[in-house]
Structure formats: C-alpha cells, structure tokens
C-alpha cells in the first residue's frame, strides 16, 4: 500500500511551512524516496477559527464547511491520512472526521496521551482565546487524568499578541513577551508547558525554549511520519 499524508494547512501559511519541515526532520531518510509522500493544501482563505468559535453559529458553520471541503479534496487526491497543523481548528475536526473516509490525526488528543505517558500532571496551555475558551485541551487532558492550566488574563493577552501581532504579522516574535508568559505558568505551579498554537511552534523554531515545553505540532509531525509507515528520527519528543 502506498501511504500519502494530506496536510490541511494555511492556518497560518508559515505554520504549515514549519510543520512540513518538522515532518522532514523527523523522518529517518537517506534519499528522496524514503521521505513521506505528502500533498499540502494551504487554504489561506480559511476564516479565522478563533473569531468563528467565539462568534455566531453561521461563522462556525462556514469554517466547518470549508474544512470539510478541503478534507474531501485531500481524500479524493488519494491521501491515506490527514494532518491539520492548526490547534484551534480541532474544535471542528471530530465532526469533519464523521464525514470523510480517511483518518484525521488529532493533534490535541495525541499530545494528551504523550504527556500522560511521561507522568506530567499540570501542563500550562498556551493557545488562542478560541482554543482556551472552547475547552479543547482541558477536555482531552482531563480524559487522561491531567489537569490543564491556562494563563492568567494578563498573560493570555500576551499569548494572543505573540500569535497575532508578532508571528501572524511576519515578525520573529518578542522573547520578552514569552518570558513573562513563562513566569506566569511557573507561578501557577505548572510542571510543563504546551505550545498549543502552531504560530507558537513557529516562534519556538526561531528561539531557544527550555525542555519545559512540549510542542503539539511536533507531536503531530511525529504521528504523521508513523501513520505513513516511515521510520522516525527522534529529535524532539521522547
């Protein structure tokens, strides 16, 4: 069987680029043919997921329908598994999964399982307002016996600024903002932090972060390599 990864991306485009590089970096390969066979759909016209989740039912339905159409495009193109490198879009993914015939990897669920296997109990979740308020991480972490912690309101404003004002605007990101966010998690007694927005994955790729952090997009990249039956090169996740 020929395995093909479908990447439903564009949310945002830089995060999709970083995700594919993660897949390449985590594949043990010595030639082109040993890498993951992938088809990348970068739908940069996807409506903002946070605005939709916090907005009207019509806005949420518009995002769902576009995600579903994109997933069906990838399925029709012969993809055997789909990865969506956008945390906030996972609000819609269980419903999308019900209507497509190929598996969609669930980044949040896989991250919860990884942290549970490592014995971590109190992760701090760094994510968009939409992801936080939807309870996506809280629900999945609770299912494996983990108590998720979210930033205090002032720290959450810094998280959103880092995501939207910095990375989504094409900037590298302000390390001082992240330092303040990190202090907030430490003061709340977190035993680890989760980069639960793919723009934060881009930030982490540009700046040296301590081992305290697990990058959910890196987890998704590893699971994508495994789903395509390629050997892993372990460079990030234990």
Protein backbone atom coordinates (compact mmCIF):
# COMPACT_ATOMS: atom_id res chain seq x y z
CA UNK A 1 0.00 0.00 0.00
CA UNK A 2 1.22 3.49 -0.82
CA UNK A 3 0.73 5.88 2.09
CA UNK A 4 0.17 9.57 1.42
CA UNK A 5 -0.07 12.33 4.00
CA UNK A 6 -2.58 15.09 3.33
CA UNK A 7 -1.73 18.35 5.07
CA UNK A 8 -4.76 20.59 5.52
CA UNK A 9 -2.90 23.81 6.11
CA UNK A 10 -2.80 27.53 5.55
CA UNK A 11 -3.82 28.29 9.15
CA UNK A 12 -1.45 30.06 9.00
CA UNK A 13 0.82 29.55 5.99
CA UNK A 14 4.06 29.93 7.97
CA UNK A 15 2.88 27.30 10.46
CA UNK A 16 2.19 24.93 7.57
CA UNK A 17 5.69 25.52 6.23
CA UNK A 18 7.19 24.82 9.66
CA UNK A 19 5.04 21.71 10.07
CA UNK A 20 6.27 20.19 6.81
CA UNK A 21 9.85 20.91 7.84
CA UNK A 22 9.11 19.11 11.12
CA UNK A 23 7.90 16.08 9.13
CA UNK A 24 11.07 16.09 7.02
CA UNK A 25 13.31 16.49 10.06
CA UNK A 26 11.60 13.65 11.90
CA UNK A 27 11.83 11.13 9.07
CA UNK A 28 14.85 8.81 9.06
CA UNK A 29 15.68 9.05 5.36
CA UNK A 30 18.80 8.95 3.21
CA UNK A 31 17.18 9.71 -0.17
CA UNK A 32 14.07 11.38 -1.60
CA UNK A 33 12.14 8.13 -1.90
CA UNK A 34 12.46 7.38 1.82
CA UNK A 35 10.60 10.55 2.82
CA UNK A 36 6.88 10.86 3.47
CA UNK A 37 4.76 11.14 0.33
CA UNK A 38 2.74 14.28 1.04
CA UNK A 39 0.16 16.57 -0.54
CA UNK A 40 -0.10 20.02 1.04
CA UNK A 41 -3.25 22.12 0.72
CA UNK A 42 -2.61 25.63 2.04
CA UNK A 43 -6.04 27.22 2.36
CA UNK A 44 -5.04 30.74 3.37
CA UNK A 45 -8.62 31.95 2.78
CA UNK A 46 -9.98 29.89 5.68
CA UNK A 47 -11.93 32.24 8.01
CA UNK A 48 -10.32 32.93 11.38
CA UNK A 49 -11.07 30.00 13.66
CA UNK A 50 -10.99 31.92 16.94
CA UNK A 51 -13.41 34.53 15.60
CA UNK A 52 -15.73 31.75 14.43
CA UNK A 53 -15.67 29.83 17.72
CA UNK A 54 -16.38 32.99 19.71
CA UNK A 55 -18.83 34.30 17.11
CA UNK A 56 -22.11 33.15 15.59
CA UNK A 57 -23.36 29.72 14.57
CA UNK A 58 -23.17 30.87 10.95
CA UNK A 59 -19.49 31.73 11.32
CA UNK A 60 -18.77 28.34 12.87
CA UNK A 61 -20.67 26.55 10.11
CA UNK A 62 -18.68 28.41 7.44
CA UNK A 63 -15.39 27.21 8.91
CA UNK A 64 -16.68 23.66 9.28
CA UNK A 65 -17.89 23.51 5.68
CA UNK A 66 -14.58 24.81 4.35
CA UNK A 67 -12.58 22.35 6.45
CA UNK A 68 -14.83 19.54 5.24
CA UNK A 69 -14.43 20.57 1.59
CA UNK A 70 -10.64 20.68 1.98
CA UNK A 71 -10.55 17.30 3.72
CA UNK A 72 -12.62 15.80 0.91
CA UNK A 73 -10.21 17.28 -1.66
CA UNK A 74 -7.30 15.56 0.08
CA UNK A 75 -9.22 12.31 0.37
CA UNK A 76 -10.14 12.46 -3.31
CA UNK A 77 -6.48 13.03 -4.20
CA UNK A 78 -5.55 9.71 -2.63
CA UNK A 79 -4.34 10.79 0.80
CA UNK A 80 -4.47 7.94 3.30
CA UNK A 81 -4.23 10.12 6.42
CA UNK A 82 -4.79 13.83 7.08
CA UNK A 83 -2.95 16.18 9.44
CA UNK A 84 -4.26 19.63 10.31
CA UNK A 85 -1.48 21.83 11.76
CA UNK A 86 -3.85 24.26 13.48
CA UNK A 87 -4.89 23.69 17.09
CA UNK A 88 -7.98 25.90 17.05
CA UNK A 89 -9.43 24.11 14.01
CA UNK A 90 -9.63 20.94 16.12
CA UNK A 91 -12.86 22.40 17.52
CA UNK A 92 -14.40 21.18 14.24
CA UNK A 93 -12.38 18.05 13.45
CA UNK A 94 -14.43 15.32 15.12
CA UNK A 95 -17.39 16.47 13.04
CA UNK A 96 -15.26 16.58 9.87
CA UNK A 97 -13.95 13.09 10.65
CA UNK A 98 -17.51 11.75 10.66
CA UNK A 99 -17.88 12.74 7.01
CA UNK A 100 -14.59 11.62 5.46
CA UNK A 101 -13.33 8.09 4.99
CA UNK A 102 -9.66 8.53 5.91
CA UNK A 103 -8.30 9.10 9.42
CA UNK A 104 -7.60 12.63 10.60
CA UNK A 105 -4.82 12.75 13.17
CA UNK A 106 -5.93 14.57 16.33
CA UNK A 107 -3.06 16.75 17.50
CA UNK A 108 -4.57 17.59 20.89
CA UNK A 109 -5.52 14.01 21.74
CA UNK A 110 -2.06 12.75 20.77
CA UNK A 111 -0.39 15.43 22.87
CA UNK A 112 -2.53 14.50 25.88
CA UNK A 113 -1.54 10.85 25.53
CA UNK A 114 2.13 11.76 25.27
CA UNK A 115 2.13 13.89 28.43
CA UNK A 116 0.20 11.23 30.34
CA UNK A 117 2.80 8.64 29.32
CA UNK A 118 5.50 10.95 30.70
CA UNK A 119 3.75 11.27 34.06
CA UNK A 120 3.08 15.00 33.75
CA UNK A 121 0.10 16.28 35.71
CA UNK A 122 -0.22 20.07 35.43
CA UNK A 123 0.58 21.44 31.97
CA UNK A 124 0.16 25.09 31.13
CA UNK A 125 -1.69 25.54 27.84
CA UNK A 126 -0.52 28.36 25.56
CA UNK A 127 -3.17 28.79 22.88
CA UNK A 128 -5.58 31.22 21.23
CA UNK A 129 -8.59 32.54 23.08
CA UNK A 130 -10.74 30.28 20.89
CA UNK A 131 -8.84 27.15 21.86
CA UNK A 132 -8.83 28.11 25.54
CA UNK A 133 -12.49 29.08 25.76
CA UNK A 134 -13.67 26.05 23.79
CA UNK A 135 -12.04 23.78 26.38
CA UNK A 136 -10.40 21.64 23.69
CA UNK A 137 -7.24 20.92 25.67
CA UNK A 138 -8.96 20.83 29.04
CA UNK A 139 -11.35 18.10 27.85
CA UNK A 140 -8.71 15.90 26.23
CA UNK A 141 -6.30 16.27 29.14
CA UNK A 142 -8.98 15.50 31.72
CA UNK A 143 -9.74 12.28 29.83
CA UNK A 144 -6.21 11.03 30.59
CA UNK A 145 -6.08 12.29 34.18
CA UNK A 146 -4.26 15.57 33.59
CA UNK A 147 -5.30 18.95 34.98
CA UNK A 148 -4.76 21.61 32.33
CA UNK A 149 -3.88 25.12 33.47
CA UNK A 150 -4.42 28.25 31.40
CA UNK A 151 -2.61 31.59 31.63
CA UNK A 152 -3.96 34.39 33.79
CA UNK A 153 -5.84 37.08 31.80
CA UNK A 154 -2.82 39.43 31.53
CA UNK A 155 -0.59 36.57 30.36
CA UNK A 156 -3.24 35.38 27.90
CA UNK A 157 -3.25 38.85 26.32
CA UNK A 158 0.49 38.43 25.77
CA UNK A 159 -0.07 35.00 24.22
CA UNK A 160 -2.57 36.47 21.76
CA UNK A 161 -0.24 39.36 20.98
CA UNK A 162 2.64 36.97 20.32
CA UNK A 163 0.43 34.94 17.98
CA UNK A 164 -1.35 37.72 16.08
CA UNK A 165 0.78 40.87 16.43
CA UNK A 166 4.09 39.05 16.02
CA UNK A 167 4.12 35.71 14.20
CA UNK A 168 1.00 36.08 12.04
CA UNK A 169 2.23 39.57 11.11
CA UNK A 170 5.51 38.19 9.81
CA UNK A 171 7.69 39.09 12.80
CA UNK A 172 10.01 36.72 14.66
CA UNK A 173 8.23 37.24 17.97
CA UNK A 174 9.19 39.09 21.14
CA UNK A 175 11.18 36.93 23.61
CA UNK A 176 10.28 39.34 26.43
CA UNK A 177 6.60 38.59 25.95
CA UNK A 178 7.31 34.89 26.11
CA UNK A 179 9.46 35.31 29.23
CA UNK A 180 6.51 36.96 31.01
CA UNK A 181 4.19 34.15 29.88
CA UNK A 182 6.67 31.56 31.16
CA UNK A 183 6.83 33.23 34.57
CA UNK A 184 3.04 33.13 34.75
CA UNK A 185 2.99 29.35 34.21
CA UNK A 186 5.73 28.79 36.79
CA UNK A 187 3.88 30.92 39.35
CA UNK A 188 0.78 28.75 38.81
CA UNK A 189 2.77 25.60 39.60
CA UNK A 190 2.80 24.06 36.13
CA UNK A 191 5.16 21.11 35.64
CA UNK A 192 5.36 21.67 31.87
CA UNK A 193 4.04 23.93 29.14
CA UNK A 194 2.30 23.04 25.89
CA UNK A 195 2.71 25.11 22.75
CA UNK A 196 -0.90 24.71 21.71
CA UNK A 197 -0.94 27.12 18.78
CA UNK A 198 1.04 26.47 15.62
CA UNK A 199 2.21 30.10 15.50
CA UNK A 200 3.89 29.40 18.84
CA UNK A 201 5.52 26.40 17.16
CA UNK A 202 6.94 28.85 14.61
CA UNK A 203 8.14 31.07 17.48
CA UNK A 204 9.79 28.08 19.18
CA UNK A 205 11.50 27.13 15.92
CA UNK A 206 13.15 30.57 15.87
CA UNK A 207 14.00 30.90 19.57
CA UNK A 208 15.59 28.56 22.07
CA UNK A 209 12.94 27.38 24.53
CA UNK A 210 13.64 25.22 27.61
CA UNK A 211 12.72 21.49 27.71
CA UNK A 212 9.80 22.58 29.91
CA UNK A 213 7.75 22.92 26.69
CA UNK A 214 6.13 20.28 24.51
CA UNK A 215 5.24 21.43 21.02
CA UNK A 216 1.89 19.96 19.96
CA UNK A 217 2.75 20.48 16.29
CA UNK A 218 5.93 18.44 16.74
CA UNK A 219 3.80 15.66 18.22
CA UNK A 220 1.56 15.84 15.15
CA UNK A 221 4.59 15.67 12.86
CA UNK A 222 5.85 12.50 14.54
CA UNK A 223 2.44 10.86 14.40
CA UNK A 224 2.23 11.80 10.71
CA UNK A 225 5.52 10.06 9.97
CA UNK A 226 4.37 6.99 11.87
CA UNK A 227 0.99 6.94 10.09
CA UNK A 228 2.84 6.85 6.76
CA UNK A 229 4.90 3.88 8.00
CA UNK A 230 8.22 5.71 7.87
CA UNK A 231 10.99 5.31 10.48
CA UNK A 232 11.25 8.13 13.00
CA UNK A 233 14.26 10.27 13.68
CA UNK A 234 13.74 11.32 17.30
CA UNK A 235 14.93 14.89 17.65
CA UNK A 236 12.28 16.48 19.89
CA UNK A 237 9.91 14.09 21.62
CA UNK A 238 10.96 11.36 23.99
